[in-house]
């Protein structure tokens, strides 16, 4: 009987872990975009010489980020920063900046 009780507890614990939210969630796309504000200004409204991201076309943003990620576009820092984002996240940030 004791073995059955332990088995039920173990199965319940496994089922609970599978159903639980991930411990560390990725931040929202808006929060990811706000991470750019240190260089590109709040909501992408940069002061020269940093490029303005506010109002940039989705295609332009995605193209630039993919080129940085692939090492096809020169930058002192964006080549490294772009590595942290998935293609889906890049598209989401592009949509965010397009609306600013």
PDB file of N, CA and C in Angstrom:
ATOM      1  N   UNK A   1       0.814  -1.186   0.000  1.00  0.00           N
ATOM      2  CA  UNK A   1       0.000   0.000   0.000  1.00  0.00           C
ATOM      3  C   UNK A   1       0.864   1.259   0.000  1.00  0.00           C
ATOM      4  N   UNK A   2       1.940   1.209   0.782  1.00  0.00           N
ATOM      5  CA  UNK A   2       2.837   2.349   0.865  1.00  0.00           C
ATOM      6  C   UNK A   2       3.466   2.639  -0.494  1.00  0.00           C
ATOM      7  N   UNK A   3       3.828   1.582  -1.255  1.00  0.00           N
ATOM      8  CA  UNK A   3       4.433   1.754  -2.581  1.00  0.00           C
ATOM      9  C   UNK A   3       3.436   2.396  -3.549  1.00  0.00           C
ATOM     10  N   UNK A   4       2.173   2.008  -3.451  1.00  0.00           N
ATOM     11  CA  UNK A   4       1.143   2.574  -4.333  1.00  0.00           C
ATOM     12  C   UNK A   4       0.950   4.051  -4.026  1.00  0.00           C
ATOM     13  N   UNK A   5       0.936   4.397  -2.739  1.00  0.00           N
ATOM     14  CA  UNK A   5       0.783   5.802  -2.347  1.00  0.00           C
ATOM     15  C   UNK A   5       1.946   6.635  -2.865  1.00  0.00           C
ATOM     16  N   UNK A   6       3.155   6.116  -2.747  1.00  0.00           N
ATOM     17  CA  UNK A   6       4.326   6.833  -3.242  1.00  0.00           C
ATOM     18  C   UNK A   6       4.276   6.971  -4.762  1.00  0.00           C
ATOM     19  N   UNK A   7       3.817   5.956  -5.449  1.00  0.00           N
ATOM     20  CA  UNK A   7       3.700   6.008  -6.899  1.00  0.00           C
ATOM     21  C   UNK A   7       2.686   7.068  -7.312  1.00  0.00           C
ATOM     22  N   UNK A   8       1.573   7.130  -6.626  1.00  0.00           N
ATOM     23  CA  UNK A   8       0.544   8.142  -6.928  1.00  0.00           C
ATOM     24  C   UNK A   8       1.107   9.542  -6.691  1.00  0.00           C
ATOM     25  N   UNK A   9       1.828   9.736  -5.616  1.00  0.00           N
ATOM     26  CA  UNK A   9       2.428  11.040  -5.318  1.00  0.00           C
ATOM     27  C   UNK A   9       3.441  11.408  -6.397  1.00  0.00           C
ATOM     28  N   UNK A  10       4.271  10.458  -6.799  1.00  0.00           N
ATOM     29  CA  UNK A  10       5.291  10.733  -7.822  1.00  0.00           C
ATOM     30  C   UNK A  10       4.649  11.096  -9.155  1.00  0.00           C
ATOM     31  N   UNK A  11       3.630  10.355  -9.572  1.00  0.00           N
ATOM     32  CA  UNK A  11       2.940  10.643 -10.830  1.00  0.00           C
ATOM     33  C   UNK A  11       2.260  12.004 -10.763  1.00  0.00           C
ATOM     34  N   UNK A  12       1.662  12.329  -9.632  1.00  0.00           N
ATOM     35  CA  UNK A  12       1.011  13.629  -9.464  1.00  0.00           C
ATOM     36  C   UNK A  12       2.029  14.762  -9.561  1.00  0.00           C
ATOM     37  N   UNK A  13       3.187  14.569  -8.971  1.00  0.00           N
ATOM     38  CA  UNK A  13       4.225  15.597  -9.011  1.00  0.00           C
ATOM     39  C   UNK A  13       4.708  15.822 -10.437  1.00  0.00           C
ATOM     40  N   UNK A  14       4.886  14.747 -11.186  1.00  0.00           N
ATOM     41  CA  UNK A  14       5.332  14.872 -12.581  1.00  0.00           C
ATOM     42  C   UNK A  14       4.274  15.587 -13.409  1.00  0.00           C
ATOM     43  N   UNK A  15       3.028  15.228 -13.216  1.00  0.00           N
ATOM     44  CA  UNK A  15       1.941  15.873 -13.966  1.00  0.00           C
ATOM     45  C   UNK A  15       1.866  17.357 -13.623  1.00  0.00           C
ATOM     46  N   UNK A  16       2.089  17.712 -12.382  1.00  0.00           N
ATOM     47  CA  UNK A  16       2.053  19.112 -11.956  1.00  0.00           C
ATOM     48  C   UNK A  16       3.195  19.895 -12.595  1.00  0.00           C
ATOM     49  N   UNK A  17       4.375  19.315 -12.651  1.00  0.00           N
ATOM     50  CA  UNK A  17       5.524  19.990 -13.261  1.00  0.00           C
ATOM     51  C   UNK A  17       5.269  20.223 -14.741  1.00  0.00           C
ATOM     52  N   UNK A  18       4.738  19.232 -15.442  1.00  0.00           N
ATOM     53  CA  UNK A  18       4.463  19.382 -16.868  1.00  0.00           C
ATOM     54  C   UNK A  18       3.438  20.479 -17.139  1.00  0.00           C
ATOM     55  N   UNK A  19       2.452  20.628 -16.253  1.00  0.00           N
ATOM     56  CA  UNK A  19       1.380  21.588 -16.472  1.00  0.00           C
ATOM     57  C   UNK A  19       1.754  22.994 -16.012  1.00  0.00           C
ATOM     58  N   UNK A  20       2.800  23.110 -15.219  1.00  0.00           N
ATOM     59  CA  UNK A  20       3.168  24.405 -14.658  1.00  0.00           C
ATOM     60  C   UNK A  20       3.751  25.324 -15.721  1.00  0.00           C
ATOM     61  N   UNK A  21       3.684  26.616 -15.445  1.00  0.00           N
ATOM     62  CA  UNK A  21       4.302  27.628 -16.302  1.00  0.00           C
ATOM     63  C   UNK A  21       5.814  27.449 -16.227  1.00  0.00           C
ATOM     64  N   UNK A  22       6.523  27.818 -17.284  1.00  0.00           N
ATOM     65  CA  UNK A  22       7.981  27.768 -17.202  1.00  0.00           C
ATOM     66  C   UNK A  22       8.472  28.700 -16.086  1.00  0.00           C
ATOM     67  N   UNK A  23       9.550  28.311 -15.453  1.00  0.00           N
ATOM     68  CA  UNK A  23      10.080  29.102 -14.345  1.00  0.00           C
ATOM     69  C   UNK A  23      10.509  30.477 -14.840  1.00  0.00           C
ATOM     70  N   UNK A  24      11.226  30.528 -15.943  1.00  0.00           N
ATOM     71  CA  UNK A  24      11.692  31.807 -16.489  1.00  0.00           C
ATOM     72  C   UNK A  24      11.028  32.027 -17.838  1.00  0.00           C
ATOM     73  N   UNK A  25      10.145  33.004 -17.899  1.00  0.00           N
ATOM     74  CA  UNK A  25       9.476  33.335 -19.157  1.00  0.00           C
ATOM     75  C   UNK A  25      10.311  34.351 -19.913  1.00  0.00           C
ATOM     76  N   UNK A  26      10.214  34.315 -21.240  1.00  0.00           N
ATOM     77  CA  UNK A  26      10.839  35.359 -22.046  1.00  0.00           C
ATOM     78  C   UNK A  26      10.052  36.638 -21.812  1.00  0.00           C
ATOM     79  N   UNK A  27      10.733  37.772 -21.801  1.00  0.00           N
ATOM     80  CA  UNK A  27       9.999  39.030 -21.642  1.00  0.00           C
ATOM     81  C   UNK A  27       9.102  39.301 -22.849  1.00  0.00           C
ATOM     82  N   UNK A  28       8.142  40.182 -22.659  1.00  0.00           N
ATOM     83  CA  UNK A  28       7.248  40.542 -23.761  1.00  0.00           C
ATOM     84  C   UNK A  28       8.057  41.223 -24.861  1.00  0.00           C
ATOM     85  N   UNK A  29       7.492  41.248 -26.067  1.00  0.00           N
ATOM     86  CA  UNK A  29       8.178  41.900 -27.189  1.00  0.00           C
ATOM     87  C   UNK A  29       8.366  43.389 -26.924  1.00  0.00           C
ATOM     88  N   UNK A  30       7.387  44.011 -26.266  1.00  0.00           N
ATOM     89  CA  UNK A  30       7.520  45.429 -25.937  1.00  0.00           C
ATOM     90  C   UNK A  30       8.685  45.645 -24.973  1.00  0.00           C
ATOM     91  N   UNK A  31       8.807  44.773 -23.992  1.00  0.00           N
ATOM     92  CA  UNK A  31       9.921  44.893 -23.040  1.00  0.00           C
ATOM     93  C   UNK A  31      11.253  44.672 -23.758  1.00  0.00           C
ATOM     94  N   UNK A  32      11.300  43.724 -24.693  1.00  0.00           N
ATOM     95  CA  UNK A  32      12.526  43.517 -25.469  1.00  0.00           C
ATOM     96  C   UNK A  32      12.877  44.773 -26.252  1.00  0.00           C
ATOM     97  N   UNK A  33      11.870  45.393 -26.844  1.00  0.00           N
ATOM     98  CA  UNK A  33      12.092  46.611 -27.616  1.00  0.00           C
ATOM     99  C   UNK A  33      12.593  47.739 -26.716  1.00  0.00           C
ATOM    100  N   UNK A  34      12.100  47.793 -25.477  1.00  0.00           N
ATOM    101  CA  UNK A  34      12.561  48.827 -24.554  1.00  0.00           C
ATOM    102  C   UNK A  34      14.030  48.629 -24.178  1.00  0.00           C
ATOM    103  N   UNK A  35      14.535  47.420 -24.327  1.00  0.00           N
ATOM    104  CA  UNK A  35      15.956  47.176 -24.061  1.00  0.00           C
ATOM    105  C   UNK A  35      16.835  47.947 -25.048  1.00  0.00           C
ATOM    106  N   UNK A  36      16.280  48.350 -26.168  1.00  0.00           N
ATOM    107  CA  UNK A  36      17.018  49.098 -27.190  1.00  0.00           C
ATOM    108  C   UNK A  36      17.156  50.580 -26.838  1.00  0.00           C
ATOM    109  N   UNK A  37      16.404  51.023 -25.830  1.00  0.00           N
ATOM    110  CA  UNK A  37      16.328  52.458 -25.527  1.00  0.00           C
ATOM    111  C   UNK A  37      17.641  53.057 -25.054  1.00  0.00           C
ATOM    112  N   UNK A  38      18.525  52.259 -24.508  1.00  0.00           N
ATOM    113  CA  UNK A  38      19.805  52.777 -24.050  1.00  0.00           C
ATOM    114  C   UNK A  38      20.584  53.478 -25.154  1.00  0.00           C
ATOM    115  N   UNK A  39      20.480  52.960 -26.356  1.00  0.00           N
ATOM    116  CA  UNK A  39      21.171  53.560 -27.503  1.00  0.00           C
ATOM    117  C   UNK A  39      20.209  54.247 -28.467  1.00  0.00           C
ATOM    118  N   UNK A  40      19.037  53.644 -28.670  1.00  0.00           N
ATOM    119  CA  UNK A  40      18.106  54.117 -29.703  1.00  0.00           C
ATOM    120  C   UNK A  40      17.004  55.025 -29.158  1.00  0.00           C
ATOM    121  N   UNK A  41      17.067  55.379 -27.885  1.00  0.00           N
ATOM    122  CA  UNK A  41      16.106  56.298 -27.298  1.00  0.00           C
ATOM    123  C   UNK A  41      14.795  55.623 -26.911  1.00  0.00           C
ATOM    124  N   UNK A  42      14.043  56.301 -26.063  1.00  0.00           N
ATOM    125  CA  UNK A  42      12.750  55.793 -25.610  1.00  0.00           C
ATOM    126  C   UNK A  42      11.827  55.603 -26.802  1.00  0.00           C
ATOM    127  N   UNK A  43      11.262  54.426 -26.900  1.00  0.00           N
ATOM    128  CA  UNK A  43      10.369  54.054 -28.010  1.00  0.00           C
ATOM    129  C   UNK A  43      11.037  54.242 -29.375  1.00  0.00           C
ATOM    130  N   UNK A  44      12.377  54.181 -29.399  1.00  0.00           N
ATOM    131  CA  UNK A  44      13.099  54.248 -30.670  1.00  0.00           C
ATOM    132  C   UNK A  44      13.353  55.643 -31.189  1.00  0.00           C
ATOM    133  N   UNK A  45      13.072  56.672 -30.380  1.00  0.00           N
ATOM    134  CA  UNK A  45      13.295  58.065 -30.799  1.00  0.00           C
ATOM    135  C   UNK A  45      14.718  58.472 -30.419  1.00  0.00           C
ATOM    136  N   UNK A  46      15.669  58.081 -31.250  1.00  0.00           N
ATOM    137  CA  UNK A  46      17.085  58.304 -30.966  1.00  0.00           C
ATOM    138  C   UNK A  46      17.531  59.714 -31.307  1.00  0.00           C
ATOM    139  N   UNK A  47      18.654  60.077 -30.713  1.00  0.00           N
ATOM    140  CA  UNK A  47      19.342  61.319 -31.043  1.00  0.00           C
ATOM    141  C   UNK A  47      20.588  60.911 -31.833  1.00  0.00           C
ATOM    142  N   UNK A  48      20.853  61.597 -32.934  1.00  0.00           N
ATOM    143  CA  UNK A  48      21.983  61.263 -33.809  1.00  0.00           C
ATOM    144  C   UNK A  48      23.255  61.084 -32.992  1.00  0.00           C
ATOM    145  N   UNK A  49      24.131  60.220 -33.371  1.00  0.00           N
ATOM    146  CA  UNK A  49      24.221  59.501 -34.638  1.00  0.00           C
ATOM    147  C   UNK A  49      23.566  58.120 -34.621  1.00  0.00           C
ATOM    148  N   UNK A  50      22.944  57.727 -33.509  1.00  0.00           N
ATOM    149  CA  UNK A  50      22.296  56.416 -33.434  1.00  0.00           C
ATOM    150  C   UNK A  50      21.047  56.407 -34.305  1.00  0.00           C
ATOM    151  N   UNK A  51      20.835  55.350 -35.079  1.00  0.00           N
ATOM    152  CA  UNK A  51      19.644  55.289 -35.946  1.00  0.00           C
ATOM    153  C   UNK A  51      18.327  55.352 -35.163  1.00  0.00           C
ATOM    154  N   UNK A  52      17.367  56.071 -35.720  1.00  0.00           N
ATOM    155  CA  UNK A  52      16.018  56.152 -35.165  1.00  0.00           C
ATOM    156  C   UNK A  52      15.273  54.877 -35.557  1.00  0.00           C
ATOM    157  N   UNK A  53      14.681  54.217 -34.578  1.00  0.00           N
ATOM    158  CA  UNK A  53      13.900  53.008 -34.855  1.00  0.00           C
ATOM    159  C   UNK A  53      12.403  53.305 -34.921  1.00  0.00           C
ATOM    160  N   UNK A  54      11.975  54.388 -34.290  1.00  0.00           N
ATOM    161  CA  UNK A  54      10.558  54.754 -34.290  1.00  0.00           C
ATOM    162  C   UNK A  54      10.084  54.992 -35.717  1.00  0.00           C
ATOM    163  N   UNK A  55       9.041  54.286 -36.109  1.00  0.00           N
ATOM    164  CA  UNK A  55       8.471  54.452 -37.437  1.00  0.00           C
ATOM    165  C   UNK A  55       9.190  53.714 -38.543  1.00  0.00           C
ATOM    166  N   UNK A  56      10.233  52.965 -38.211  1.00  0.00           N
ATOM    167  CA  UNK A  56      10.956  52.207 -39.231  1.00  0.00           C
ATOM    168  C   UNK A  56      10.031  51.144 -39.821  1.00  0.00           C
ATOM    169  N   UNK A  57      10.189  50.865 -41.094  1.00  0.00           N
ATOM    170  CA  UNK A  57       9.347  49.831 -41.700  1.00  0.00           C
ATOM    171  C   UNK A  57       9.710  48.474 -41.103  1.00  0.00           C
ATOM    172  N   UNK A  58       8.715  47.625 -41.034  1.00  0.00           N
ATOM    173  CA  UNK A  58       8.946  46.277 -40.509  1.00  0.00           C
ATOM    174  C   UNK A  58      10.013  45.564 -41.330  1.00  0.00           C
ATOM    175  N   UNK A  59       9.927  45.700 -42.639  1.00  0.00           N
ATOM    176  CA  UNK A  59      10.881  45.036 -43.535  1.00  0.00           C
ATOM    177  C   UNK A  59      12.301  45.558 -43.310  1.00  0.00           C
ATOM    178  N   UNK A  60      12.427  46.872 -43.145  1.00  0.00           N
ATOM    179  CA  UNK A  60      13.741  47.468 -42.930  1.00  0.00           C
ATOM    180  C   UNK A  60      14.382  47.014 -41.630  1.00  0.00           C
ATOM    181  N   UNK A  61      13.589  46.963 -40.559  1.00  0.00           N
ATOM    182  CA  UNK A  61      14.096  46.526 -39.259  1.00  0.00           C
ATOM    183  C   UNK A  61      14.522  45.062 -39.322  1.00  0.00           C
ATOM    184  N   UNK A  62      13.654  44.222 -39.868  1.00  0.00           N
ATOM    185  CA  UNK A  62      13.945  42.786 -39.948  1.00  0.00           C
ATOM    186  C   UNK A  62      15.191  42.544 -40.802  1.00  0.00           C
ATOM    187  N   UNK A  63      15.286  43.219 -41.928  1.00  0.00           N
ATOM    188  CA  UNK A  63      16.445  43.062 -42.821  1.00  0.00           C
ATOM    189  C   UNK A  63      17.734  43.439 -42.100  1.00  0.00           C
ATOM    190  N   UNK A  64      17.718  44.587 -41.419  1.00  0.00           N
ATOM    191  CA  UNK A  64      18.915  45.042 -40.707  1.00  0.00           C
ATOM    192  C   UNK A  64      19.310  44.055 -39.605  1.00  0.00           C
ATOM    193  N   UNK A  65      18.340  43.609 -38.815  1.00  0.00           N
ATOM    194  CA  UNK A  65      18.650  42.683 -37.720  1.00  0.00           C
ATOM    195  C   UNK A  65      19.161  41.343 -38.238  1.00  0.00           C
ATOM    196  N   UNK A  66      18.583  40.852 -39.315  1.00  0.00           N
ATOM    197  CA  UNK A  66      19.058  39.578 -39.881  1.00  0.00           C
ATOM    198  C   UNK A  66      20.469  39.731 -40.439  1.00  0.00           C
ATOM    199  N   UNK A  67      20.756  40.880 -41.041  1.00  0.00           N
ATOM    200  CA  UNK A  67      22.109  41.126 -41.559  1.00  0.00           C
ATOM    201  C   UNK A  67      23.114  41.236 -40.410  1.00  0.00           C
ATOM    202  N   UNK A  68      22.744  41.910 -39.321  1.00  0.00           N
ATOM    203  CA  UNK A  68      23.625  41.965 -38.152  1.00  0.00           C
ATOM    204  C   UNK A  68      23.878  40.557 -37.631  1.00  0.00           C
ATOM    205  N   UNK A  69      22.823  39.791 -37.509  1.00  0.00           N
ATOM    206  CA  UNK A  69      22.897  38.435 -36.953  1.00  0.00           C
ATOM    207  C   UNK A  69      23.785  37.529 -37.802  1.00  0.00           C
ATOM    208  N   UNK A  70      23.727  37.705 -39.125  1.00  0.00           N
ATOM    209  CA  UNK A  70      24.513  36.875 -40.041  1.00  0.00           C
ATOM    210  C   UNK A  70      25.930  37.407 -40.243  1.00  0.00           C
ATOM    211  N   UNK A  71      26.236  38.570 -39.645  1.00  0.00           N
ATOM    212  CA  UNK A  71      27.560  39.157 -39.816  1.00  0.00           C
ATOM    213  C   UNK A  71      27.740  39.835 -41.165  1.00  0.00           C
ATOM    214  N   UNK A  72      26.640  40.136 -41.837  1.00  0.00           N
ATOM    215  CA  UNK A  72      26.687  40.765 -43.160  1.00  0.00           C
ATOM    216  C   UNK A  72      26.598  42.281 -43.083  1.00  0.00           C
ATOM    217  N   UNK A  73      26.417  42.818 -41.897  1.00  0.00           N
ATOM    218  CA  UNK A  73      26.290  44.265 -41.712  1.00  0.00           C
ATOM    219  C   UNK A  73      27.211  44.665 -40.567  1.00  0.00           C
ATOM    220  N   UNK A  74      28.021  45.677 -40.785  1.00  0.00           N
ATOM    221  CA  UNK A  74      29.008  46.108 -39.805  1.00  0.00           C
ATOM    222  C   UNK A  74      28.373  46.889 -38.659  1.00  0.00           C
ATOM    223  N   UNK A  75      28.842  46.628 -37.466  1.00  0.00           N
ATOM    224  CA  UNK A  75      28.413  47.365 -36.279  1.00  0.00           C
ATOM    225  C   UNK A  75      29.378  47.042 -35.151  1.00  0.00           C
ATOM    226  N   UNK A  76      29.558  48.007 -34.271  1.00  0.00           N
ATOM    227  CA  UNK A  76      30.436  47.752 -33.133  1.00  0.00           C
ATOM    228  C   UNK A  76      29.773  46.853 -32.090  1.00  0.00           C
ATOM    229  N   UNK A  77      28.431  46.836 -32.037  1.00  0.00           N
ATOM    230  CA  UNK A  77      27.750  46.066 -31.006  1.00  0.00           C
ATOM    231  C   UNK A  77      26.545  45.261 -31.497  1.00  0.00           C
ATOM    232  N   UNK A  78      25.872  45.709 -32.541  1.00  0.00           N
ATOM    233  CA  UNK A  78      24.629  45.067 -32.970  1.00  0.00           C
ATOM    234  C   UNK A  78      24.829  43.629 -33.448  1.00  0.00           C
ATOM    235  N   UNK A  79      26.010  43.295 -33.942  1.00  0.00           N
ATOM    236  CA  UNK A  79      26.259  41.914 -34.368  1.00  0.00           C
ATOM    237  C   UNK A  79      26.116  40.960 -33.184  1.00  0.00           C
ATOM    238  N   UNK A  80      26.548  41.410 -32.022  1.00  0.00           N
ATOM    239  CA  UNK A  80      26.431  40.564 -30.818  1.00  0.00           C
ATOM    240  C   UNK A  80      25.024  40.606 -30.238  1.00  0.00           C
ATOM    241  N   UNK A  81      24.428  41.792 -30.174  1.00  0.00           N
ATOM    242  CA  UNK A  81      23.092  41.928 -29.588  1.00  0.00           C
ATOM    243  C   UNK A  81      22.063  41.130 -30.388  1.00  0.00           C
ATOM    244  N   UNK A  82      22.149  41.184 -31.695  1.00  0.00           N
ATOM    245  CA  UNK A  82      21.163  40.506 -32.553  1.00  0.00           C
ATOM    246  C   UNK A  82      21.151  38.998 -32.355  1.00  0.00           C
ATOM    247  N   UNK A  83      22.255  38.427 -31.907  1.00  0.00           N
ATOM    248  CA  UNK A  83      22.338  36.982 -31.692  1.00  0.00           C
ATOM    249  C   UNK A  83      21.357  36.495 -30.623  1.00  0.00           C
ATOM    250  N   UNK A  84      20.970  37.379 -29.720  1.00  0.00           N
ATOM    251  CA  UNK A  84      20.108  36.985 -28.601  1.00  0.00           C
ATOM    252  C   UNK A  84      18.642  36.824 -28.995  1.00  0.00           C
ATOM    253  N   UNK A  85      18.266  37.282 -30.182  1.00  0.00           N
ATOM    254  CA  UNK A  85      16.855  37.295 -30.570  1.00  0.00           C
ATOM    255  C   UNK A  85      16.545  36.260 -31.644  1.00  0.00           C
ATOM    256  N   UNK A  86      15.400  35.611 -31.484  1.00  0.00           N
ATOM    257  CA  UNK A  86      14.918  34.670 -32.505  1.00  0.00           C
ATOM    258  C   UNK A  86      14.312  35.477 -33.647  1.00  0.00           C
ATOM    259  N   UNK A  87      14.088  34.838 -34.781  1.00  0.00           N
ATOM    260  CA  UNK A  87      13.449  35.515 -35.917  1.00  0.00           C
ATOM    261  C   UNK A  87      12.060  36.024 -35.528  1.00  0.00           C
ATOM    262  N   UNK A  88      11.339  35.244 -34.752  1.00  0.00           N
ATOM    263  CA  UNK A  88       9.993  35.638 -34.306  1.00  0.00           C
ATOM    264  C   UNK A  88      10.059  36.889 -33.429  1.00  0.00           C
ATOM    265  N   UNK A  89      11.037  36.952 -32.547  1.00  0.00           N
ATOM    266  CA  UNK A  89      11.188  38.117 -31.677  1.00  0.00           C
ATOM    267  C   UNK A  89      11.582  39.357 -32.482  1.00  0.00           C
ATOM    268  N   UNK A  90      12.429  39.185 -33.468  1.00  0.00           N
ATOM    269  CA  UNK A  90      12.836  40.305 -34.327  1.00  0.00           C
ATOM    270  C   UNK A  90      11.623  40.873 -35.053  1.00  0.00           C
ATOM    271  N   UNK A  91      10.784  40.004 -35.598  1.00  0.00           N
ATOM    272  CA  UNK A  91       9.570  40.459 -36.295  1.00  0.00           C
ATOM    273  C   UNK A  91       8.651  41.196 -35.315  1.00  0.00           C
ATOM    274  N   UNK A  92       8.505  40.670 -34.104  1.00  0.00           N
ATOM    275  CA  UNK A  92       7.668  41.323 -33.097  1.00  0.00           C
ATOM    276  C   UNK A  92       8.184  42.708 -32.725  1.00  0.00           C
ATOM    277  N   UNK A  93       9.488  42.837 -32.567  1.00  0.00           N
ATOM    278  CA  UNK A  93      10.056  44.154 -32.254  1.00  0.00           C
ATOM    279  C   UNK A  93       9.898  45.101 -33.437  1.00  0.00           C
ATOM    280  N   UNK A  94      10.008  44.568 -34.642  1.00  0.00           N
ATOM    281  CA  UNK A  94       9.811  45.392 -35.845  1.00  0.00           C
ATOM    282  C   UNK A  94       8.393  45.964 -35.865  1.00  0.00           C
ATOM    283  N   UNK A  95       7.425  45.144 -35.505  1.00  0.00           N
ATOM    284  CA  UNK A  95       6.034  45.606 -35.463  1.00  0.00           C
ATOM    285  C   UNK A  95       5.850  46.669 -34.381  1.00  0.00           C
ATOM    286  N   UNK A  96       6.536  46.499 -33.263  1.00  0.00           N
ATOM    287  CA  UNK A  96       6.467  47.482 -32.178  1.00  0.00           C
ATOM    288  C   UNK A  96       7.030  48.831 -32.650  1.00  0.00           C
ATOM    289  N   UNK A  97       8.221  48.824 -33.226  1.00  0.00           N
ATOM    290  CA  UNK A  97       8.860  50.082 -33.631  1.00  0.00           C
ATOM    291  C   UNK A  97       8.134  50.751 -34.787  1.00  0.00           C
ATOM    292  N   UNK A  98       7.524  49.973 -35.655  1.00  0.00           N
ATOM    293  CA  UNK A  98       6.762  50.540 -36.776  1.00  0.00           C
ATOM    294  C   UNK A  98       5.622  51.427 -36.274  1.00  0.00           C
ATOM    295  N   UNK A  99       5.059  51.073 -35.117  1.00  0.00           N
ATOM    296  CA  UNK A  99       3.901  51.807 -34.574  1.00  0.00           C
ATOM    297  C   UNK A  99       4.288  53.035 -33.736  1.00  0.00           C
ATOM    298  N   UNK A 100       5.566  53.243 -33.511  1.00  0.00           N
ATOM    299  CA  UNK A 100       5.997  54.350 -32.638  1.00  0.00           C
ATOM    300  C   UNK A 100       6.084  55.657 -33.394  1.00  0.00           C
TER     301      UNK A 100
END
